[in-house]
């Protein structure tokens, strides 16, 4: 559902990252988009402090996203879609 969120010097956030859901029964997006923005801001702030915008540095965004409700919910929905 969510792929390749970072490149050197780039993070993909919100709707552009595919962080909206329409399962036929539920439509979600605003909460996931806002959560991804917060995760991206944390990773970008760290990258700015270190002056390191490499892929490895910005991959902290994906890791942070997976720790939040956004990553957990996306995982839950992905599992539900593969089962049905």
C-alpha atoms as a PDB file:
ATOM      1  CA  UNK A   1       0.000   0.000   0.000  1.00  0.00           C
ATOM      2  CA  UNK A   2       2.825   2.408   0.856  1.00  0.00           C
ATOM      3  CA  UNK A   3       6.066   2.287  -1.118  1.00  0.00           C
ATOM      4  CA  UNK A   4       9.344   4.180  -1.393  1.00  0.00           C
ATOM      5  CA  UNK A   5       8.701   7.137   0.879  1.00  0.00           C
ATOM      6  CA  UNK A   6      12.240   8.491   0.816  1.00  0.00           C
ATOM      7  CA  UNK A   7      15.024   9.333  -1.592  1.00  0.00           C
ATOM      8  CA  UNK A   8      18.147  11.359  -0.923  1.00  0.00           C
ATOM      9  CA  UNK A   9      16.854  14.862  -0.152  1.00  0.00           C
ATOM     10  CA  UNK A  10      13.178  13.879  -0.502  1.00  0.00           C
ATOM     11  CA  UNK A  11      10.331  12.551   1.643  1.00  0.00           C
ATOM     12  CA  UNK A  12       6.860  11.768   0.313  1.00  0.00           C
ATOM     13  CA  UNK A  13       4.093  12.603   2.771  1.00  0.00           C
ATOM     14  CA  UNK A  14       0.331  12.341   3.077  1.00  0.00           C
ATOM     15  CA  UNK A  15      -1.880  11.700   0.076  1.00  0.00           C
ATOM     16  CA  UNK A  16       1.132  11.648  -2.252  1.00  0.00           C
ATOM     17  CA  UNK A  17       2.470   8.745  -0.175  1.00  0.00           C
ATOM     18  CA  UNK A  18      -0.775   6.820  -0.561  1.00  0.00           C
ATOM     19  CA  UNK A  19      -1.821   7.409   3.022  1.00  0.00           C
ATOM     20  CA  UNK A  20      -5.530   7.512   2.346  1.00  0.00           C
ATOM     21  CA  UNK A  21      -7.868   4.542   2.535  1.00  0.00           C
ATOM     22  CA  UNK A  22     -11.067   3.581   0.805  1.00  0.00           C
ATOM     23  CA  UNK A  23     -11.913  -0.005   1.647  1.00  0.00           C
ATOM     24  CA  UNK A  24     -15.488   0.207   0.457  1.00  0.00           C
ATOM     25  CA  UNK A  25     -16.679   0.266   4.051  1.00  0.00           C
ATOM     26  CA  UNK A  26     -14.551   3.081   5.364  1.00  0.00           C
ATOM     27  CA  UNK A  27     -12.855   6.153   3.938  1.00  0.00           C
ATOM     28  CA  UNK A  28      -9.994   7.627   5.929  1.00  0.00           C
ATOM     29  CA  UNK A  29      -7.298  10.100   5.220  1.00  0.00           C
ATOM     30  CA  UNK A  30      -7.039  13.309   7.183  1.00  0.00           C
ATOM     31  CA  UNK A  31      -5.780  11.633  10.351  1.00  0.00           C
ATOM     32  CA  UNK A  32      -3.275   9.493   8.426  1.00  0.00           C
ATOM     33  CA  UNK A  33      -2.046  12.459   6.399  1.00  0.00           C
ATOM     34  CA  UNK A  34      -1.575  14.597   9.520  1.00  0.00           C
ATOM     35  CA  UNK A  35       0.231  11.766  11.301  1.00  0.00           C
ATOM     36  CA  UNK A  36       2.591  11.309   8.369  1.00  0.00           C
ATOM     37  CA  UNK A  37       3.343  15.026   8.414  1.00  0.00           C
ATOM     38  CA  UNK A  38       4.338  14.830  12.071  1.00  0.00           C
ATOM     39  CA  UNK A  39       6.565  11.805  11.415  1.00  0.00           C
ATOM     40  CA  UNK A  40       8.152  13.563   8.427  1.00  0.00           C
ATOM     41  CA  UNK A  41       8.766  16.724  10.457  1.00  0.00           C
ATOM     42  CA  UNK A  42      10.640  14.746  13.110  1.00  0.00           C
ATOM     43  CA  UNK A  43      12.852  13.035  10.535  1.00  0.00           C
ATOM     44  CA  UNK A  44      13.478  16.249   8.604  1.00  0.00           C
ATOM     45  CA  UNK A  45      14.315  18.159  11.788  1.00  0.00           C
ATOM     46  CA  UNK A  46      16.920  15.530  12.681  1.00  0.00           C
ATOM     47  CA  UNK A  47      18.306  15.624   9.133  1.00  0.00           C
ATOM     48  CA  UNK A  48      18.557  19.413   9.280  1.00  0.00           C
ATOM     49  CA  UNK A  49      20.386  19.287  12.609  1.00  0.00           C
ATOM     50  CA  UNK A  50      22.884  16.787  11.199  1.00  0.00           C
ATOM     51  CA  UNK A  51      23.009  18.387   7.719  1.00  0.00           C
ATOM     52  CA  UNK A  52      22.531  14.879   6.390  1.00  0.00           C
ATOM     53  CA  UNK A  53      19.867  14.398   3.731  1.00  0.00           C
ATOM     54  CA  UNK A  54      21.011  10.992   2.555  1.00  0.00           C
ATOM     55  CA  UNK A  55      18.653   8.086   1.969  1.00  0.00           C
ATOM     56  CA  UNK A  56      19.792   6.458   5.209  1.00  0.00           C
ATOM     57  CA  UNK A  57      19.146   9.620   7.204  1.00  0.00           C
ATOM     58  CA  UNK A  58      15.708  10.261   5.731  1.00  0.00           C
ATOM     59  CA  UNK A  59      14.690   6.623   6.180  1.00  0.00           C
ATOM     60  CA  UNK A  60      14.101   7.684   9.784  1.00  0.00           C
ATOM     61  CA  UNK A  61      10.771   9.001   8.446  1.00  0.00           C
ATOM     62  CA  UNK A  62       9.626   5.496   7.451  1.00  0.00           C
ATOM     63  CA  UNK A  63      10.755   4.098  10.780  1.00  0.00           C
ATOM     64  CA  UNK A  64       8.944   6.862  12.692  1.00  0.00           C
ATOM     65  CA  UNK A  65       5.838   6.416  10.550  1.00  0.00           C
ATOM     66  CA  UNK A  66       5.765   2.693  11.323  1.00  0.00           C
ATOM     67  CA  UNK A  67       5.942   3.423  15.068  1.00  0.00           C
ATOM     68  CA  UNK A  68       2.863   5.664  14.931  1.00  0.00           C
ATOM     69  CA  UNK A  69      -0.814   4.856  14.601  1.00  0.00           C
ATOM     70  CA  UNK A  70      -0.440   5.578  10.875  1.00  0.00           C
ATOM     71  CA  UNK A  71       1.928   2.684  10.270  1.00  0.00           C
ATOM     72  CA  UNK A  72      -0.040   0.415  12.556  1.00  0.00           C
ATOM     73  CA  UNK A  73      -3.342   1.234  10.854  1.00  0.00           C
ATOM     74  CA  UNK A  74      -1.883   0.873   7.358  1.00  0.00           C
ATOM     75  CA  UNK A  75      -0.513  -2.530   8.346  1.00  0.00           C
ATOM     76  CA  UNK A  76      -3.900  -3.572   9.742  1.00  0.00           C
ATOM     77  CA  UNK A  77      -5.727  -2.494   6.572  1.00  0.00           C
ATOM     78  CA  UNK A  78      -3.125  -4.176   4.346  1.00  0.00           C
ATOM     79  CA  UNK A  79      -3.596  -7.426   6.244  1.00  0.00           C
ATOM     80  CA  UNK A  80      -7.386  -7.118   5.997  1.00  0.00           C
ATOM     81  CA  UNK A  81      -7.224  -6.545   2.242  1.00  0.00           C
ATOM     82  CA  UNK A  82      -5.011  -9.580   1.665  1.00  0.00           C
ATOM     83  CA  UNK A  83      -7.355 -11.814   3.663  1.00  0.00           C
ATOM     84  CA  UNK A  84     -10.555 -10.771   1.898  1.00  0.00           C
END
